[in-house]
Amino acid sequence: MKETAEPGSRRPSEQRLGEAVALGDLDYFICACPNDVTMYEDAIKTSGHSDAIVLREISELGGGSRRIVDES
């Protein structure tokens, strides 16, 4: 997704991040598209939240919660 913004306005990724931050106590920002990771990483950095928010792509979330079930 190519981001374009009018001069003086925020990019869509910065707007989305601002909406998420406004919710309060935010540790993670999750995006659903691997292609958007770079766009949101940049928004986190330029917004000054790089020390407070970790970006994750949704497919990364399953790895920590999977269990191996022994069927024997």
PDB file of N, CA and C in Angstrom:
ATOM      1  N   MET A   1       0.843  -1.169   0.000  1.00  0.00           N
ATOM      2  CA  MET A   1       0.000   0.000   0.000  1.00  0.00           C
ATOM      3  C   MET A   1       0.886   1.228   0.000  1.00  0.00           C
ATOM      4  N   LYS A   2       0.731   2.061  -0.984  1.00  0.00           N
ATOM      5  CA  LYS A   2       1.492   3.299  -1.039  1.00  0.00           C
ATOM      6  C   LYS A   2       0.730   4.366  -0.284  1.00  0.00           C
ATOM      7  N   GLU A   3       1.423   5.018   0.626  1.00  0.00           N
ATOM      8  CA  GLU A   3       0.780   6.058   1.417  1.00  0.00           C
ATOM      9  C   GLU A   3       1.001   7.416   0.772  1.00  0.00           C
ATOM     10  N   THR A   4      -0.060   8.131   0.639  1.00  0.00           N
ATOM     11  CA  THR A   4       0.043   9.509   0.169  1.00  0.00           C
ATOM     12  C   THR A   4      -0.759  10.377   1.114  1.00  0.00           C
ATOM     13  N   ALA A   5      -0.264  11.558   1.354  1.00  0.00           N
ATOM     14  CA  ALA A   5      -0.958  12.476   2.251  1.00  0.00           C
ATOM     15  C   ALA A   5      -0.769  13.892   1.732  1.00  0.00           C
ATOM     16  N   GLU A   6      -1.762  14.686   1.952  1.00  0.00           N
ATOM     17  CA  GLU A   6      -1.673  16.092   1.595  1.00  0.00           C
ATOM     18  C   GLU A   6      -0.617  16.752   2.467  1.00  0.00           C
ATOM     19  N   PRO A   7       0.072  17.759   1.935  1.00  0.00           N
ATOM     20  CA  PRO A   7       1.043  18.476   2.769  1.00  0.00           C
ATOM     21  C   PRO A   7       0.379  19.005   4.044  1.00  0.00           C
ATOM     22  N   GLY A   8       1.037  18.776   5.177  1.00  0.00           N
ATOM     23  CA  GLY A   8       0.506  19.229   6.456  1.00  0.00           C
ATOM     24  C   GLY A   8      -0.447  18.255   7.125  1.00  0.00           C
ATOM     25  N   SER A   9      -0.783  17.152   6.457  1.00  0.00           N
ATOM     26  CA  SER A   9      -1.672  16.162   7.066  1.00  0.00           C
ATOM     27  C   SER A   9      -0.873  14.913   7.428  1.00  0.00           C
ATOM     28  N   ARG A  10      -1.450  14.086   8.272  1.00  0.00           N
ATOM     29  CA  ARG A  10      -0.779  12.856   8.687  1.00  0.00           C
ATOM     30  C   ARG A  10      -1.070  11.741   7.690  1.00  0.00           C
ATOM     31  N   ARG A  11      -0.110  10.843   7.573  1.00  0.00           N
ATOM     32  CA  ARG A  11      -0.297   9.670   6.716  1.00  0.00           C
ATOM     33  C   ARG A  11      -1.305   8.732   7.379  1.00  0.00           C
ATOM     34  N   PRO A  12      -1.981   7.884   6.595  1.00  0.00           N
ATOM     35  CA  PRO A  12      -2.967   6.964   7.173  1.00  0.00           C
ATOM     36  C   PRO A  12      -2.397   6.080   8.284  1.00  0.00           C
ATOM     37  N   SER A  13      -1.175   5.609   8.130  1.00  0.00           N
ATOM     38  CA  SER A  13      -0.585   4.765   9.184  1.00  0.00           C
ATOM     39  C   SER A  13      -0.384   5.560  10.469  1.00  0.00           C
ATOM     40  N   GLU A  14      -0.017   6.824  10.361  1.00  0.00           N
ATOM     41  CA  GLU A  14       0.136   7.671  11.549  1.00  0.00           C
ATOM     42  C   GLU A  14      -1.218   7.939  12.196  1.00  0.00           C
ATOM     43  N   GLN A  15      -2.250   8.081  11.376  1.00  0.00           N
ATOM     44  CA  GLN A  15      -3.602   8.280  11.911  1.00  0.00           C
ATOM     45  C   GLN A  15      -4.058   7.041  12.677  1.00  0.00           C
ATOM     46  N   ARG A  16      -3.847   5.853  12.099  1.00  0.00           N
ATOM     47  CA  ARG A  16      -4.250   4.602  12.761  1.00  0.00           C
ATOM     48  C   ARG A  16      -3.499   4.411  14.076  1.00  0.00           C
ATOM     49  N   LEU A  17      -2.208   4.695  14.046  1.00  0.00           N
ATOM     50  CA  LEU A  17      -1.408   4.560  15.252  1.00  0.00           C
ATOM     51  C   LEU A  17      -1.891   5.543  16.315  1.00  0.00           C
ATOM     52  N   GLY A  18      -2.204   6.761  15.904  1.00  0.00           N
ATOM     53  CA  GLY A  18      -2.724   7.748  16.850  1.00  0.00           C
ATOM     54  C   GLY A  18      -4.024   7.302  17.483  1.00  0.00           C
ATOM     55  N   GLU A  19      -4.902   6.674  16.695  1.00  0.00           N
ATOM     56  CA  GLU A  19      -6.164   6.150  17.225  1.00  0.00           C
ATOM     57  C   GLU A  19      -5.903   5.055  18.248  1.00  0.00           C
ATOM     58  N   ALA A  20      -4.930   4.186  17.960  1.00  0.00           N
ATOM     59  CA  ALA A  20      -4.609   3.096  18.887  1.00  0.00           C
ATOM     60  C   ALA A  20      -4.012   3.642  20.177  1.00  0.00           C
ATOM     61  N   VAL A  21      -3.120   4.600  20.076  1.00  0.00           N
ATOM     62  CA  VAL A  21      -2.493   5.192  21.260  1.00  0.00           C
ATOM     63  C   VAL A  21      -3.537   5.892  22.125  1.00  0.00           C
ATOM     64  N   ALA A  22      -4.534   6.500  21.496  1.00  0.00           N
ATOM     65  CA  ALA A  22      -5.586   7.210  22.234  1.00  0.00           C
ATOM     66  C   ALA A  22      -6.414   6.265  23.108  1.00  0.00           C
ATOM     67  N   LEU A  23      -6.378   4.971  22.819  1.00  0.00           N
ATOM     68  CA  LEU A  23      -7.108   4.000  23.633  1.00  0.00           C
ATOM     69  C   LEU A  23      -6.483   3.831  25.008  1.00  0.00           C
ATOM     70  N   GLY A  24      -5.222   4.200  25.146  1.00  0.00           N
ATOM     71  CA  GLY A  24      -4.529   4.074  26.431  1.00  0.00           C
ATOM     72  C   GLY A  24      -3.610   2.877  26.453  1.00  0.00           C
ATOM     73  N   ASP A  25      -2.957   2.649  27.558  1.00  0.00           N
ATOM     74  CA  ASP A  25      -2.033   1.564  27.859  1.00  0.00           C
ATOM     75  C   ASP A  25      -1.833   0.540  26.734  1.00  0.00           C
ATOM     76  N   LEU A  26      -1.049   0.899  25.744  1.00  0.00           N
ATOM     77  CA  LEU A  26      -0.829   0.086  24.557  1.00  0.00           C
ATOM     78  C   LEU A  26       0.584  -0.483  24.582  1.00  0.00           C
ATOM     79  N   ASP A  27       0.699  -1.806  24.512  1.00  0.00           N
ATOM     80  CA  ASP A  27       2.010  -2.457  24.460  1.00  0.00           C
ATOM     81  C   ASP A  27       2.357  -2.899  23.046  1.00  0.00           C
ATOM     82  N   TYR A  28       1.347  -3.393  22.327  1.00  0.00           N
ATOM     83  CA  TYR A  28       1.556  -3.929  20.993  1.00  0.00           C
ATOM     84  C   TYR A  28       0.617  -3.274  19.999  1.00  0.00           C
ATOM     85  N   PHE A  29       1.114  -3.119  18.781  1.00  0.00           N
ATOM     86  CA  PHE A  29       0.276  -2.689  17.666  1.00  0.00           C
ATOM     87  C   PHE A  29       0.328  -3.837  16.676  1.00  0.00           C
ATOM     88  N   ILE A  30      -0.815  -4.426  16.370  1.00  0.00           N
ATOM     89  CA  ILE A  30      -0.891  -5.605  15.518  1.00  0.00           C
ATOM     90  C   ILE A  30      -1.409  -5.209  14.143  1.00  0.00           C
ATOM     91  N   CYS A  31      -0.695  -5.627  13.096  1.00  0.00           N
ATOM     92  CA  CYS A  31      -1.209  -5.403  11.742  1.00  0.00           C
ATOM     93  C   CYS A  31      -1.483  -6.773  11.120  1.00  0.00           C
ATOM     94  N   ALA A  32      -2.426  -6.798  10.211  1.00  0.00           N
ATOM     95  CA  ALA A  32      -2.868  -8.068   9.635  1.00  0.00           C
ATOM     96  C   ALA A  32      -2.191  -8.394   8.309  1.00  0.00           C
ATOM     97  N   CYS A  33      -1.475  -7.449   7.737  1.00  0.00           N
ATOM     98  CA  CYS A  33      -0.868  -7.664   6.424  1.00  0.00           C
ATOM     99  C   CYS A  33       0.648  -7.537   6.519  1.00  0.00           C
ATOM    100  N   PRO A  34       1.378  -8.556   6.128  1.00  0.00           N
ATOM    101  CA  PRO A  34       2.839  -8.480   6.184  1.00  0.00           C
ATOM    102  C   PRO A  34       3.402  -7.320   5.365  1.00  0.00           C
ATOM    103  N   ASN A  35       2.684  -6.928   4.330  1.00  0.00           N
ATOM    104  CA  ASN A  35       3.150  -5.815   3.497  1.00  0.00           C
ATOM    105  C   ASN A  35       3.071  -4.477   4.220  1.00  0.00           C
ATOM    106  N   ASP A  36       2.292  -4.392   5.278  1.00  0.00           N
ATOM    107  CA  ASP A  36       2.116  -3.137   6.016  1.00  0.00           C
ATOM    108  C   ASP A  36       3.102  -2.961   7.164  1.00  0.00           C
ATOM    109  N   VAL A  37       3.898  -3.980   7.448  1.00  0.00           N
ATOM    110  CA  VAL A  37       4.814  -3.928   8.587  1.00  0.00           C
ATOM    111  C   VAL A  37       5.751  -2.728   8.483  1.00  0.00           C
ATOM    112  N   THR A  38       6.389  -2.528   7.351  1.00  0.00           N
ATOM    113  CA  THR A  38       7.325  -1.414   7.182  1.00  0.00           C
ATOM    114  C   THR A  38       6.626  -0.076   7.370  1.00  0.00           C
ATOM    115  N   MET A  39       5.430   0.045   6.834  1.00  0.00           N
ATOM    116  CA  MET A  39       4.671   1.287   6.932  1.00  0.00           C
ATOM    117  C   MET A  39       4.374   1.625   8.395  1.00  0.00           C
ATOM    118  N   TYR A  40       3.940   0.637   9.172  1.00  0.00           N
ATOM    119  CA  TYR A  40       3.623   0.884  10.575  1.00  0.00           C
ATOM    120  C   TYR A  40       4.881   1.025  11.438  1.00  0.00           C
ATOM    121  N   GLU A  41       5.951   0.315  11.101  1.00  0.00           N
ATOM    122  CA  GLU A  41       7.209   0.508  11.820  1.00  0.00           C
ATOM    123  C   GLU A  41       7.661   1.960  11.701  1.00  0.00           C
ATOM    124  N   ASP A  42       7.552   2.503  10.497  1.00  0.00           N
ATOM    125  CA  ASP A  42       7.925   3.891  10.267  1.00  0.00           C
ATOM    126  C   ASP A  42       7.032   4.836  11.063  1.00  0.00           C
ATOM    127  N   ALA A  43       5.744   4.574  11.090  1.00  0.00           N
ATOM    128  CA  ALA A  43       4.811   5.420  11.849  1.00  0.00           C
ATOM    129  C   ALA A  43       5.118   5.392  13.340  1.00  0.00           C
ATOM    130  N   ILE A  44       5.496   4.234  13.860  1.00  0.00           N
ATOM    131  CA  ILE A  44       5.844   4.130  15.279  1.00  0.00           C
ATOM    132  C   ILE A  44       7.089   4.961  15.567  1.00  0.00           C
ATOM    133  N   LYS A  45       8.073   4.883  14.693  1.00  0.00           N
ATOM    134  CA  LYS A  45       9.306   5.653  14.889  1.00  0.00           C
ATOM    135  C   LYS A  45       9.063   7.155  14.790  1.00  0.00           C
ATOM    136  N   THR A  46       8.357   7.589  13.746  1.00  0.00           N
ATOM    137  CA  THR A  46       8.163   9.028  13.529  1.00  0.00           C
ATOM    138  C   THR A  46       7.216   9.652  14.549  1.00  0.00           C
ATOM    139  N   SER A  47       6.403   8.823  15.205  1.00  0.00           N
ATOM    140  CA  SER A  47       5.477   9.353  16.206  1.00  0.00           C
ATOM    141  C   SER A  47       6.107   9.437  17.597  1.00  0.00           C
ATOM    142  N   GLY A  48       7.323   8.904  17.727  1.00  0.00           N
ATOM    143  CA  GLY A  48       8.005   8.951  19.014  1.00  0.00           C
ATOM    144  C   GLY A  48       7.590   7.864  19.979  1.00  0.00           C
ATOM    145  N   HIS A  49       6.975   6.799  19.491  1.00  0.00           N
ATOM    146  CA  HIS A  49       6.507   5.718  20.358  1.00  0.00           C
ATOM    147  C   HIS A  49       7.366   4.460  20.263  1.00  0.00           C
ATOM    148  N   SER A  50       8.530   4.555  19.664  1.00  0.00           N
ATOM    149  CA  SER A  50       9.326   3.345  19.450  1.00  0.00           C
ATOM    150  C   SER A  50       9.790   2.683  20.752  1.00  0.00           C
ATOM    151  N   ASP A  51       9.847   3.435  21.842  1.00  0.00           N
ATOM    152  CA  ASP A  51      10.231   2.844  23.126  1.00  0.00           C
ATOM    153  C   ASP A  51       9.048   2.216  23.855  1.00  0.00           C
ATOM    154  N   ALA A  52       7.827   2.547  23.426  1.00  0.00           N
ATOM    155  CA  ALA A  52       6.637   2.119  24.170  1.00  0.00           C
ATOM    156  C   ALA A  52       5.797   1.061  23.451  1.00  0.00           C
ATOM    157  N   ILE A  53       5.887   0.994  22.121  1.00  0.00           N
ATOM    158  CA  ILE A  53       5.011   0.108  21.352  1.00  0.00           C
ATOM    159  C   ILE A  53       5.843  -0.866  20.522  1.00  0.00           C
ATOM    160  N   VAL A  54       5.438  -2.124  20.538  1.00  0.00           N
ATOM    161  CA  VAL A  54       6.070  -3.151  19.719  1.00  0.00           C
ATOM    162  C   VAL A  54       5.096  -3.523  18.610  1.00  0.00           C
ATOM    163  N   LEU A  55       5.572  -3.536  17.383  1.00  0.00           N
ATOM    164  CA  LEU A  55       4.742  -3.915  16.238  1.00  0.00           C
ATOM    165  C   LEU A  55       4.837  -5.415  16.018  1.00  0.00           C
ATOM    166  N   ARG A  56       3.707  -6.044  15.810  1.00  0.00           N
ATOM    167  CA  ARG A  56       3.654  -7.467  15.477  1.00  0.00           C
ATOM    168  C   ARG A  56       2.716  -7.665  14.295  1.00  0.00           C
ATOM    169  N   GLU A  57       3.081  -8.595  13.429  1.00  0.00           N
ATOM    170  CA  GLU A  57       2.202  -8.997  12.337  1.00  0.00           C
ATOM    171  C   GLU A  57       1.395 -10.165  12.876  1.00  0.00           C
ATOM    172  N   ILE A  58       0.144 -10.253  12.531  1.00  0.00           N
ATOM    173  CA  ILE A  58      -0.788 -11.188  13.169  1.00  0.00           C
ATOM    174  C   ILE A  58      -0.319 -12.650  13.110  1.00  0.00           C
ATOM    175  N   SER A  59       0.381 -13.021  12.060  1.00  0.00           N
ATOM    176  CA  SER A  59       0.843 -14.410  11.962  1.00  0.00           C
ATOM    177  C   SER A  59       1.907 -14.738  13.009  1.00  0.00           C
ATOM    178  N   GLU A  60       2.553 -13.725  13.604  1.00  0.00           N
ATOM    179  CA  GLU A  60       3.554 -13.951  14.641  1.00  0.00           C
ATOM    180  C   GLU A  60       2.924 -14.336  15.978  1.00  0.00           C
ATOM    181  N   LEU A  61       1.656 -14.073  16.141  1.00  0.00           N
ATOM    182  CA  LEU A  61       1.012 -14.296  17.431  1.00  0.00           C
ATOM    183  C   LEU A  61       0.767 -15.766  17.739  1.00  0.00           C
ATOM    184  N   GLY A  62       0.594 -16.586  16.738  1.00  0.00           N
ATOM    185  CA  GLY A  62       0.287 -17.995  16.961  1.00  0.00           C
ATOM    186  C   GLY A  62       1.435 -18.789  17.529  1.00  0.00           C
ATOM    187  N   GLY A  63       2.661 -18.414  17.233  1.00  0.00           N
ATOM    188  CA  GLY A  63       3.832 -19.171  17.664  1.00  0.00           C
ATOM    189  C   GLY A  63       3.965 -19.294  19.167  1.00  0.00           C
ATOM    190  N   GLY A  64       3.593 -18.273  19.906  1.00  0.00           N
ATOM    191  CA  GLY A  64       3.729 -18.312  21.347  1.00  0.00           C
ATOM    192  C   GLY A  64       2.618 -19.058  22.041  1.00  0.00           C
ATOM    193  N   SER A  65       1.533 -19.343  21.336  1.00  0.00           N
ATOM    194  CA  SER A  65       0.395 -19.971  22.006  1.00  0.00           C
ATOM    195  C   SER A  65       0.113 -21.393  21.541  1.00  0.00           C
ATOM    196  N   ARG A  66       0.919 -21.890  20.614  1.00  0.00           N
ATOM    197  CA  ARG A  66       0.688 -23.251  20.117  1.00  0.00           C
ATOM    198  C   ARG A  66       1.183 -24.292  21.099  1.00  0.00           C
ATOM    199  N   ARG A  67       0.431 -25.358  21.196  1.00  0.00           N
ATOM    200  CA  ARG A  67       0.837 -26.505  21.993  1.00  0.00           C
ATOM    201  C   ARG A  67       0.911 -27.709  21.083  1.00  0.00           C
ATOM    202  N   ILE A  68       1.857 -28.560  21.354  1.00  0.00           N
ATOM    203  CA  ILE A  68       1.940 -29.816  20.613  1.00  0.00           C
ATOM    204  C   ILE A  68       1.152 -30.855  21.418  1.00  0.00           C
ATOM    205  N   VAL A  69       0.176 -31.428  20.763  1.00  0.00           N
ATOM    206  CA  VAL A  69      -0.683 -32.407  21.410  1.00  0.00           C
ATOM    207  C   VAL A  69      -0.213 -33.796  21.010  1.00  0.00           C
ATOM    208  N   ASP A  70       0.098 -34.603  22.010  1.00  0.00           N
ATOM    209  CA  ASP A  70       0.524 -35.971  21.776  1.00  0.00           C
ATOM    210  C   ASP A  70      -0.712 -36.840  21.598  1.00  0.00           C
ATOM    211  N   GLU A  71      -0.862 -37.398  20.405  1.00  0.00           N
ATOM    212  CA  GLU A  71      -2.060 -38.200  20.116  1.00  0.00           C
ATOM    213  C   GLU A  71      -1.863 -39.667  20.458  1.00  0.00           C
ATOM    214  N   SER A  72      -0.769 -40.036  21.090  1.00  0.00           N
ATOM    215  CA  SER A  72      -0.577 -41.462  21.384  1.00  0.00           C
ATOM    216  C   SER A  72      -1.203 -41.874  22.674  1.00  0.00           C
TER     217      SER A  72
END
